[in-house]
Every structure is written in structure tokens, then in C-alpha cells.
N, C-alpha and C. Protein backbone atom coordinates (compact mmCIF):
# COMPACT_ATOMS: atom_id res chain seq x y z
N MET A 1 29.31 14.16 10.38
CA MET A 1 27.81 13.81 10.43
C MET A 1 27.14 13.46 11.46
N ALA A 2 25.98 14.10 11.69
CA ALA A 2 25.11 13.86 13.01
C ALA A 2 24.50 12.58 12.83
N SER A 3 24.07 11.84 13.89
CA SER A 3 23.71 10.28 13.70
C SER A 3 21.99 10.92 13.04
N VAL A 4 21.68 9.85 12.52
CA VAL A 4 20.48 9.49 11.93
C VAL A 4 19.42 8.49 12.81
N PHE A 5 18.40 8.66 12.96
CA PHE A 5 17.57 7.72 13.78
C PHE A 5 16.64 7.37 12.26
N SER A 6 16.49 6.10 12.24
CA SER A 6 15.56 5.82 11.28
C SER A 6 14.62 4.79 11.73
N LEU A 7 13.16 5.23 11.73
CA LEU A 7 11.90 4.04 12.38
C LEU A 7 11.79 2.99 11.44
N MET A 8 11.84 1.97 11.61
CA MET A 8 11.58 0.84 10.52
C MET A 8 10.14 0.22 10.91
N GLY A 9 9.43 0.61 11.76
CA GLY A 9 7.98 -0.11 11.92
C GLY A 9 8.50 -1.04 12.53
N LEU A 10 6.78 -1.62 12.86
CA LEU A 10 6.66 -2.41 13.76
C LEU A 10 6.84 -4.26 12.96
N SER A 11 7.63 -4.84 13.86
CA SER A 11 7.66 -6.33 12.87
C SER A 11 6.64 -7.14 13.71
N ALA A 12 6.43 -7.08 14.93
CA ALA A 12 5.24 -7.69 15.52
C ALA A 12 4.71 -6.70 16.48
N PRO A 13 3.34 -7.27 16.86
CA PRO A 13 2.61 -6.27 17.85
C PRO A 13 3.56 -5.70 18.87
N GLN A 14 4.52 -6.36 19.62
CA GLN A 14 5.28 -6.03 20.80
C GLN A 14 6.76 -5.48 20.85
N THR A 15 7.04 -5.76 19.09
CA THR A 15 8.68 -5.36 18.55
C THR A 15 8.35 -3.99 17.57
N VAL A 16 9.73 -3.30 18.09
CA VAL A 16 10.36 -2.12 17.03
C VAL A 16 11.07 -2.24 16.53
N ALA A 17 11.23 -1.72 15.79
CA ALA A 17 12.77 -1.86 14.90
C ALA A 17 13.10 -0.62 14.37
N PHE A 18 14.32 -0.05 14.79
CA PHE A 18 15.06 1.28 14.41
C PHE A 18 16.28 1.15 13.95
N SER A 19 17.04 1.66 13.39
CA SER A 19 18.42 2.02 13.03
C SER A 19 19.17 3.31 13.43
N ILE A 20 20.40 3.42 13.92
CA ILE A 20 20.94 4.47 13.88
C ILE A 20 22.61 4.26 13.28
N TYR A 21 22.66 5.55 12.53
CA TYR A 21 24.20 5.34 11.95
C TYR A 21 24.81 6.80 11.62
N GLY A 22 25.97 6.64 11.36
CA GLY A 22 26.69 8.02 11.25
C GLY A 22 27.51 8.04 12.37
N PRO A 23 28.69 8.67 12.67
CA PRO A 23 29.49 8.90 13.57
C PRO A 23 28.30 9.72 14.73
N ILE A 24 28.70 9.43 15.95
CA ILE A 24 27.42 10.05 17.19
C ILE A 24 28.52 10.65 17.81
N ARG A 25 28.11 11.69 17.81
CA ARG A 25 28.78 12.85 18.89
C ARG A 25 28.30 12.83 20.15
N ARG A 26 28.81 13.32 20.74
CA ARG A 26 28.05 13.26 22.56
C ARG A 26 26.94 14.39 22.42
N SER A 27 27.27 15.40 21.30
CA SER A 27 26.15 16.50 21.21
C SER A 27 24.65 15.89 20.68
N ASP A 28 25.12 14.62 19.92
CA ASP A 28 23.73 14.24 19.69
C ASP A 28 22.69 13.05 20.61
N LEU A 29 23.58 12.93 21.56
CA LEU A 29 23.07 11.93 22.74
C LEU A 29 21.67 12.44 23.30
N PRO A 30 21.36 13.83 23.32
CA PRO A 30 20.18 14.18 23.97
C PRO A 30 19.03 13.93 23.29
N GLY A 31 19.26 14.34 21.78
CA GLY A 31 18.24 14.01 20.84
C GLY A 31 18.01 12.83 20.46
N LEU A 32 18.91 11.91 20.39
CA LEU A 32 18.62 10.44 20.06
C LEU A 32 17.98 9.96 21.03
N SER A 33 18.42 10.30 22.47
CA SER A 33 17.27 9.78 23.22
C SER A 33 15.82 10.12 23.30
N ALA A 34 16.12 11.19 23.43
CA ALA A 34 14.60 11.95 22.98
C ALA A 34 13.39 11.38 22.43
N ARG A 35 14.24 11.21 20.90
CA ARG A 35 13.37 10.16 19.99
C ARG A 35 13.27 8.88 20.19
N VAL A 36 14.01 8.01 20.77
CA VAL A 36 13.82 6.68 21.19
C VAL A 36 12.78 6.89 22.49
N CYS A 37 13.01 7.58 23.20
CA CYS A 37 11.89 7.74 24.21
C CYS A 37 10.41 7.76 24.03
N ALA A 38 10.29 8.91 22.96
CA ALA A 38 8.89 9.53 22.18
C ALA A 38 8.63 7.99 21.91
N MET A 39 9.28 7.54 21.07
CA MET A 39 8.95 6.13 20.19
C MET A 39 8.33 5.03 21.32
N LEU A 40 9.30 5.00 22.20
CA LEU A 40 8.93 3.61 23.17
C LEU A 40 7.55 4.03 23.70
N HIS A 41 7.23 5.62 23.99
CA HIS A 41 5.99 6.09 24.69
C HIS A 41 4.91 5.76 23.75
N GLU A 42 5.10 6.18 22.71
CA GLU A 42 3.89 5.89 21.87
C GLU A 42 3.41 4.56 21.40
N ARG A 43 4.62 3.55 21.56
CA ARG A 43 4.50 2.01 20.76
C ARG A 43 4.11 1.16 22.03
N ALA A 44 4.93 1.63 22.61
CA ALA A 44 4.73 0.37 24.28
C ALA A 44 5.51 -0.59 23.88
N PRO A 45 6.53 -0.85 23.07
CA PRO A 45 6.57 -2.50 22.77
C PRO A 45 7.41 -3.16 23.79
N THR A 46 7.73 -4.42 23.77
CA THR A 46 8.37 -5.04 25.10
C THR A 46 10.13 -5.26 24.47
N VAL A 47 10.06 -5.48 23.08
CA VAL A 47 11.40 -5.80 22.48
C VAL A 47 11.73 -4.39 21.28
N VAL A 48 12.82 -4.01 21.52
CA VAL A 48 13.30 -3.02 20.35
C VAL A 48 14.41 -3.63 19.34
N LEU A 49 14.40 -3.94 18.35
CA LEU A 49 15.33 -3.95 17.70
C LEU A 49 16.04 -2.92 16.90
N CYS A 50 17.46 -2.73 17.50
CA CYS A 50 18.30 -1.45 16.99
C CYS A 50 19.67 -2.00 16.12
N ARG A 51 19.45 -1.52 15.01
CA ARG A 51 20.13 -1.97 13.89
C ARG A 51 21.53 -0.77 13.89
N VAL A 52 22.63 -1.78 14.12
CA VAL A 52 24.06 -0.64 14.21
C VAL A 52 24.78 -0.63 13.47
N ASP A 53 24.80 -1.52 12.25
CA ASP A 53 25.74 -1.80 11.05
C ASP A 53 26.11 -0.53 10.56
N GLY A 54 25.69 0.58 10.85
CA GLY A 54 26.16 1.87 10.09
C GLY A 54 26.90 3.00 11.00
N VAL A 55 27.22 2.08 12.31
CA VAL A 55 27.83 3.32 13.56
C VAL A 55 28.94 2.84 13.47
N VAL A 56 29.67 4.20 13.73
CA VAL A 56 31.55 3.75 14.06
C VAL A 56 31.30 3.35 15.83
N HIS A 57 32.01 2.06 15.65
CA HIS A 57 32.44 1.63 16.95
C HIS A 57 33.63 2.73 17.94
N ASP A 58 32.78 3.20 18.76
CA ASP A 58 33.83 4.06 19.60
C ASP A 58 33.10 4.20 20.85
N ALA A 59 33.75 4.92 22.24
CA ALA A 59 33.34 4.71 23.34
C ALA A 59 31.55 5.95 23.18
N VAL A 60 31.73 6.72 22.32
CA VAL A 60 30.42 7.40 22.14
C VAL A 60 29.17 6.82 21.86
N THR A 61 29.61 5.87 21.37
CA THR A 61 28.40 5.06 20.35
C THR A 61 27.91 4.27 21.50
N VAL A 62 28.98 3.23 22.19
CA VAL A 62 28.72 2.61 23.49
C VAL A 62 27.76 3.08 24.26
N ASP A 63 28.35 4.70 24.51
CA ASP A 63 27.60 5.27 25.50
C ASP A 63 25.89 5.44 25.38
N ALA A 64 26.13 5.88 23.95
CA ALA A 64 24.53 6.04 23.29
C ALA A 64 23.61 4.88 23.43
N LEU A 65 24.11 3.62 23.10
CA LEU A 65 23.72 2.47 23.33
C LEU A 65 23.12 2.03 24.91
N ALA A 66 23.93 2.35 25.79
CA ALA A 66 23.71 2.26 27.02
C ALA A 66 22.87 3.19 27.82
N ARG A 67 22.67 4.30 27.19
CA ARG A 67 21.79 5.05 27.15
C ARG A 67 20.38 4.81 26.90
N LEU A 68 20.42 4.48 25.90
CA LEU A 68 18.98 3.79 25.00
C LEU A 68 18.32 2.27 25.98
N GLN A 69 19.66 1.65 26.32
CA GLN A 69 19.35 0.23 26.96
C GLN A 69 18.43 0.88 28.17
N LEU A 70 19.31 2.07 28.80
CA LEU A 70 18.42 2.30 30.33
C LEU A 70 17.06 3.04 29.93
N ALA A 71 16.91 3.69 29.07
CA ALA A 71 15.58 4.48 28.48
C ALA A 71 14.89 3.53 28.21
N ALA A 72 15.08 2.03 27.48
CA ALA A 72 14.13 1.13 27.37
C ALA A 72 13.69 0.44 28.58
N ARG A 73 14.49 0.41 29.27
CA ARG A 73 14.19 -0.20 30.69
C ARG A 73 13.46 0.23 31.56
N ARG A 74 13.35 1.56 31.36
CA ARG A 74 12.24 2.58 32.46
C ARG A 74 11.36 2.71 31.47
N HIS A 75 10.76 2.06 30.27
CA HIS A 75 9.65 2.19 29.52
C HIS A 75 9.38 0.33 29.61
N GLY A 76 10.16 -0.27 30.37
CA GLY A 76 9.24 -1.73 30.58
C GLY A 76 9.84 -2.68 29.54
N CYS A 77 10.78 -1.99 28.44
CA CYS A 77 11.37 -2.96 27.53
C CYS A 77 12.48 -3.32 27.33
N GLN A 78 13.04 -3.75 26.44
CA GLN A 78 14.71 -3.91 26.22
C GLN A 78 15.39 -3.68 24.62
N ILE A 79 15.86 -3.18 24.81
CA ILE A 79 16.76 -3.23 22.89
C ILE A 79 17.88 -4.40 22.91
N ARG A 80 17.73 -4.95 21.60
CA ARG A 80 18.64 -6.05 21.36
C ARG A 80 19.28 -5.14 20.11
N LEU A 81 20.27 -5.43 19.91
CA LEU A 81 21.12 -4.94 18.73
C LEU A 81 21.15 -5.50 17.54
N THR A 82 21.33 -5.50 16.44
CA THR A 82 21.62 -6.24 15.25
C THR A 82 22.13 -5.48 14.25
N GLY A 83 23.30 -6.42 13.55
CA GLY A 83 24.17 -5.84 12.69
C GLY A 83 25.50 -5.21 13.48
N ALA A 84 25.66 -5.39 14.93
CA ALA A 84 26.87 -5.12 15.41
C ALA A 84 28.35 -5.68 14.84
N SER A 85 28.84 -4.95 14.43
CA SER A 85 30.47 -5.35 14.39
C SER A 85 31.08 -5.90 15.29
N PRO A 86 32.23 -6.92 14.95
CA PRO A 86 32.72 -7.73 15.79
C PRO A 86 33.95 -7.04 16.91
N GLU A 87 33.93 -5.46 16.18
CA GLU A 87 34.86 -4.50 17.01
C GLU A 87 33.57 -3.71 17.62
N LEU A 88 32.68 -3.31 17.51
CA LEU A 88 31.78 -2.74 18.50
C LEU A 88 31.45 -3.60 19.64
N CYS A 89 31.29 -5.05 19.14
CA CYS A 89 31.18 -6.07 20.18
C CYS A 89 31.95 -6.23 20.94
N ASP A 90 33.36 -6.28 20.84
CA ASP A 90 34.53 -6.25 21.46
C ASP A 90 34.50 -4.99 22.21
N LEU A 91 34.53 -3.94 21.86
CA LEU A 91 34.51 -2.84 22.64
C LEU A 91 33.44 -2.61 23.91
N ILE A 92 32.10 -2.92 23.48
CA ILE A 92 31.01 -3.18 24.33
C ILE A 92 31.27 -4.39 25.67
N ALA A 93 32.11 -5.41 25.38
CA ALA A 93 32.70 -6.46 26.12
C ALA A 93 33.23 -5.53 26.94
N PHE A 94 34.55 -4.87 26.53
CA PHE A 94 35.92 -4.16 26.97
C PHE A 94 35.35 -3.47 28.33
N MET A 95 34.05 -2.55 27.92
CA MET A 95 33.60 -1.52 28.65
C MET A 95 32.81 -2.24 29.40
N GLY A 96 32.48 -3.27 29.86
CA GLY A 96 31.95 -4.46 30.75
C GLY A 96 30.23 -4.19 30.64
N LEU A 97 30.15 -3.84 29.31
CA LEU A 97 28.82 -3.92 28.96
C LEU A 97 27.44 -4.81 28.50
N ARG A 98 28.72 -6.19 28.20
CA ARG A 98 27.92 -7.36 27.36
C ARG A 98 26.51 -7.75 27.91
N ASP A 99 26.59 -7.87 29.14
CA ASP A 99 25.17 -8.12 29.83
C ASP A 99 23.82 -6.97 29.87
N VAL A 100 24.37 -5.80 29.80
CA VAL A 100 23.74 -4.19 29.73
C VAL A 100 22.93 -4.52 28.15
N ILE A 101 23.88 -4.59 27.16
CA ILE A 101 23.50 -4.45 25.72
C ILE A 101 23.70 -5.67 24.94
N PRO A 102 22.28 -6.42 25.17
CA PRO A 102 22.11 -8.15 24.49
C PRO A 102 22.40 -7.76 23.20
N GLY A 103 22.70 -8.54 22.26
CA GLY A 103 22.91 -8.65 20.98
C GLY A 103 24.27 -8.69 20.63
N THR A 104 25.29 -8.30 21.66
CA THR A 104 26.64 -8.22 21.36
C THR A 104 27.21 -9.71 21.70
């Protein structure tokens, strides 16, 4: 199943929330990144809450989250994870990205 991107809307003037779920394949990364970049460009948030309780905890997911964080920083904002499982948090820490992907 391809990853699905779901925009939840504005929760404050400078905050946007969305969720990603499903197993994320490497081939999903360009499309996911493009959708998030379009949302960042359109809404210009300062903080983005990314709900991740529906993702698989694997290296591809961590890669996707790191890419999304890079895109967010290029747009002058930051992504914070919500709903991250302990396994995903452990994997992010193991990969040395705890400081890069807040909320873990």
C-alpha cells in the first residue's frame, strides 16, 4: 500500500497538521515530498505537526521524515512528530537523527 498524505488543516495561524501512514516505499518519497512542499509554500507555517502513528518503523520511513524536515527548514519552518511509536523513536535515535526530527 502506498503512503497516504492527509492534510488536517490549520490548528493555529502559523501551524499546520498532517498525517502520513501506510508502509512508505522509496518510490513514494518524491511524491510525498512534493505534496508537503506545496503545502508549505501555500500556507507558510512556522510549525508543522506530522502525525505518524500509522507508519511502519523502518529506514524508509525515517528517510522520508528526514527529507520532510529538510524541506520544512528550506521553507523556514520545522516539522514536529506526533504519535510516534517507541520503536520509531528508537530507530530515529539509532540513526543519529533525534536532534533533526523533533518530537521523538
